Amino acid sequence: MTDLLIQQLDTELPLPRFAQAGDAGADLYARIDLELAPGARALMPTGIAIALPPGFAAFIHPRSGLAIRDGLSRSEEHTSELQSH
């Protein structure tokens, strides 16, 4: 197993966690409340930054088929705050 380094930028938000054993992805939390019009996009700060080992990537996917079509991808050279769009 490979360790993922997480920096918590907003201590009022929980760290990402898996809802169920065996889940492929962890749940993230937004730092702001935002209502979007249909088809609109926005950056959603997550309150965390991650450092990925070489050869790994992280992706944010919408939880609903009605959500924004494309997620955010991260690779090891980026260590700034994750933001969903």
C-alpha atoms as a PDB file:
ATOM      1  CA  MET A   1       0.000   0.000   0.000  1.00  0.00           C
ATOM      2  CA  THR A   2       1.212   3.503  -0.852  1.00  0.00           C
ATOM      3  CA  ASP A   3       0.821   6.379   1.585  1.00  0.00           C
ATOM      4  CA  LEU A   4      -0.917   9.578   0.486  1.00  0.00           C
ATOM      5  CA  LEU A   5       0.251  12.758   2.222  1.00  0.00           C
ATOM      6  CA  ILE A   6      -2.656  15.086   3.056  1.00  0.00           C
ATOM      7  CA  GLN A   7      -2.326  18.633   4.382  1.00  0.00           C
ATOM      8  CA  GLN A   8      -5.486  19.857   6.104  1.00  0.00           C
ATOM      9  CA  LEU A   9      -5.927  23.531   5.149  1.00  0.00           C
ATOM     10  CA  ASP A  10      -9.303  23.958   6.850  1.00  0.00           C
ATOM     11  CA  THR A  11      -9.474  22.274  10.256  1.00  0.00           C
ATOM     12  CA  GLU A  12     -13.252  22.786  10.419  1.00  0.00           C
ATOM     13  CA  LEU A  13     -13.785  20.308   7.573  1.00  0.00           C
ATOM     14  CA  PRO A  14     -13.365  16.557   8.046  1.00  0.00           C
ATOM     15  CA  LEU A  15     -10.541  14.847   6.196  1.00  0.00           C
ATOM     16  CA  PRO A  16     -11.570  12.721   3.190  1.00  0.00           C
ATOM     17  CA  ARG A  17     -12.874   9.314   4.208  1.00  0.00           C
ATOM     18  CA  PHE A  18     -14.363   6.210   2.664  1.00  0.00           C
ATOM     19  CA  ALA A  19     -18.068   5.833   3.398  1.00  0.00           C
ATOM     20  CA  GLN A  20     -18.043   2.038   3.053  1.00  0.00           C
ATOM     21  CA  ALA A  21     -15.338  -0.615   3.203  1.00  0.00           C
ATOM     22  CA  GLY A  22     -14.199  -1.380  -0.332  1.00  0.00           C
ATOM     23  CA  ASP A  23     -15.182   2.022  -1.783  1.00  0.00           C
ATOM     24  CA  ALA A  24     -12.967   3.083  -4.695  1.00  0.00           C
ATOM     25  CA  GLY A  25     -12.977   6.735  -3.644  1.00  0.00           C
ATOM     26  CA  ALA A  26     -13.169   8.875  -0.545  1.00  0.00           C
ATOM     27  CA  ASP A  27     -15.750  11.592   0.113  1.00  0.00           C
ATOM     28  CA  LEU A  28     -14.543  15.210   0.006  1.00  0.00           C
ATOM     29  CA  TYR A  29     -16.155  18.243   1.604  1.00  0.00           C
ATOM     30  CA  ALA A  30     -16.532  21.776   0.210  1.00  0.00           C
ATOM     31  CA  ARG A  31     -15.233  24.851   2.044  1.00  0.00           C
ATOM     32  CA  ILE A  32     -18.083  27.001   0.699  1.00  0.00           C
ATOM     33  CA  ASP A  33     -21.796  26.652   0.011  1.00  0.00           C
ATOM     34  CA  LEU A  34     -22.626  27.337  -3.600  1.00  0.00           C
ATOM     35  CA  GLU A  35     -25.729  26.934  -5.731  1.00  0.00           C
ATOM     36  CA  LEU A  36     -25.058  26.469  -9.428  1.00  0.00           C
ATOM     37  CA  ALA A  37     -27.389  27.076 -12.331  1.00  0.00           C
ATOM     38  CA  PRO A  38     -27.823  24.136 -14.731  1.00  0.00           C
ATOM     39  CA  GLY A  39     -24.665  23.739 -16.832  1.00  0.00           C
ATOM     40  CA  ALA A  40     -22.674  26.234 -14.739  1.00  0.00           C
ATOM     41  CA  ARG A  41     -19.179  25.494 -13.408  1.00  0.00           C
ATOM     42  CA  ALA A  42     -17.294  26.794 -10.405  1.00  0.00           C
ATOM     43  CA  LEU A  43     -14.168  26.041  -8.410  1.00  0.00           C
ATOM     44  CA  MET A  44     -15.020  24.364  -5.125  1.00  0.00           C
ATOM     45  CA  PRO A  45     -12.187  24.470  -2.576  1.00  0.00           C
ATOM     46  CA  THR A  46     -11.896  21.255  -0.564  1.00  0.00           C
ATOM     47  CA  GLY A  47      -9.779  22.426   2.379  1.00  0.00           C
ATOM     48  CA  ILE A  48      -7.012  19.893   1.668  1.00  0.00           C
ATOM     49  CA  ALA A  49      -3.807  19.642  -0.337  1.00  0.00           C
ATOM     50  CA  ILE A  50      -2.216  16.333  -1.300  1.00  0.00           C
ATOM     51  CA  ALA A  51       1.223  15.136  -2.373  1.00  0.00           C
ATOM     52  CA  LEU A  52       1.117  12.128  -4.662  1.00  0.00           C
ATOM     53  CA  PRO A  53       3.944   9.664  -5.163  1.00  0.00           C
ATOM     54  CA  PRO A  54       5.429   9.419  -8.680  1.00  0.00           C
ATOM     55  CA  GLY A  55       3.217   7.443 -11.041  1.00  0.00           C
ATOM     56  CA  PHE A  56      -0.033   8.233  -9.225  1.00  0.00           C
ATOM     57  CA  ALA A  57      -2.916  10.581 -10.071  1.00  0.00           C
ATOM     58  CA  ALA A  58      -6.003  11.697  -8.145  1.00  0.00           C
ATOM     59  CA  PHE A  59      -9.397  12.476  -9.653  1.00  0.00           C
ATOM     60  CA  ILE A  60     -12.521  14.202  -8.387  1.00  0.00           C
ATOM     61  CA  HIS A  61     -15.649  12.728  -9.914  1.00  0.00           C
ATOM     62  CA  PRO A  62     -19.210  13.973  -9.479  1.00  0.00           C
ATOM     63  CA  ARG A  63     -21.383  11.728  -7.343  1.00  0.00           C
ATOM     64  CA  SER A  64     -24.438  12.155  -9.527  1.00  0.00           C
ATOM     65  CA  GLY A  65     -25.113  11.669 -13.224  1.00  0.00           C
ATOM     66  CA  LEU A  66     -26.741  15.105 -13.102  1.00  0.00           C
ATOM     67  CA  ALA A  67     -23.569  16.718 -11.719  1.00  0.00           C
ATOM     68  CA  ILE A  68     -20.874  18.476 -13.708  1.00  0.00           C
ATOM     69  CA  ARG A  69     -19.594  16.230 -16.484  1.00  0.00           C
ATOM     70  CA  ASP A  70     -15.820  16.540 -15.922  1.00  0.00           C
ATOM     71  CA  GLY A  71     -13.858  16.254 -12.669  1.00  0.00           C
ATOM     72  CA  LEU A  72     -10.505  17.628 -11.664  1.00  0.00           C
ATOM     73  CA  SER A  73      -7.339  15.588 -12.100  1.00  0.00           C
ATOM     74  CA  ARG A  74      -4.112  15.883 -10.120  1.00  0.00           C
ATOM     75  CA  SER A  75      -0.641  14.539 -10.713  1.00  0.00           C
ATOM     76  CA  GLU A  76       2.450  14.323  -8.544  1.00  0.00           C
ATOM     77  CA  GLU A  77       3.936  17.666  -9.636  1.00  0.00           C
ATOM     78  CA  HIS A  78       1.002  19.617  -8.122  1.00  0.00           C
ATOM     79  CA  THR A  79       0.744  20.111  -4.372  1.00  0.00           C
ATOM     80  CA  SER A  80      -1.663  23.056  -4.104  1.00  0.00           C
ATOM     81  CA  GLU A  81      -5.203  22.870  -2.702  1.00  0.00           C
ATOM     82  CA  LEU A  82      -7.536  20.493  -4.528  1.00  0.00           C
ATOM     83  CA  GLN A  83     -10.503  22.316  -6.030  1.00  0.00           C
ATOM     84  CA  SER A  84     -13.373  20.703  -7.863  1.00  0.00           C
ATOM     85  CA  HIS A  85     -14.870  22.301 -10.966  1.00  0.00           C
END
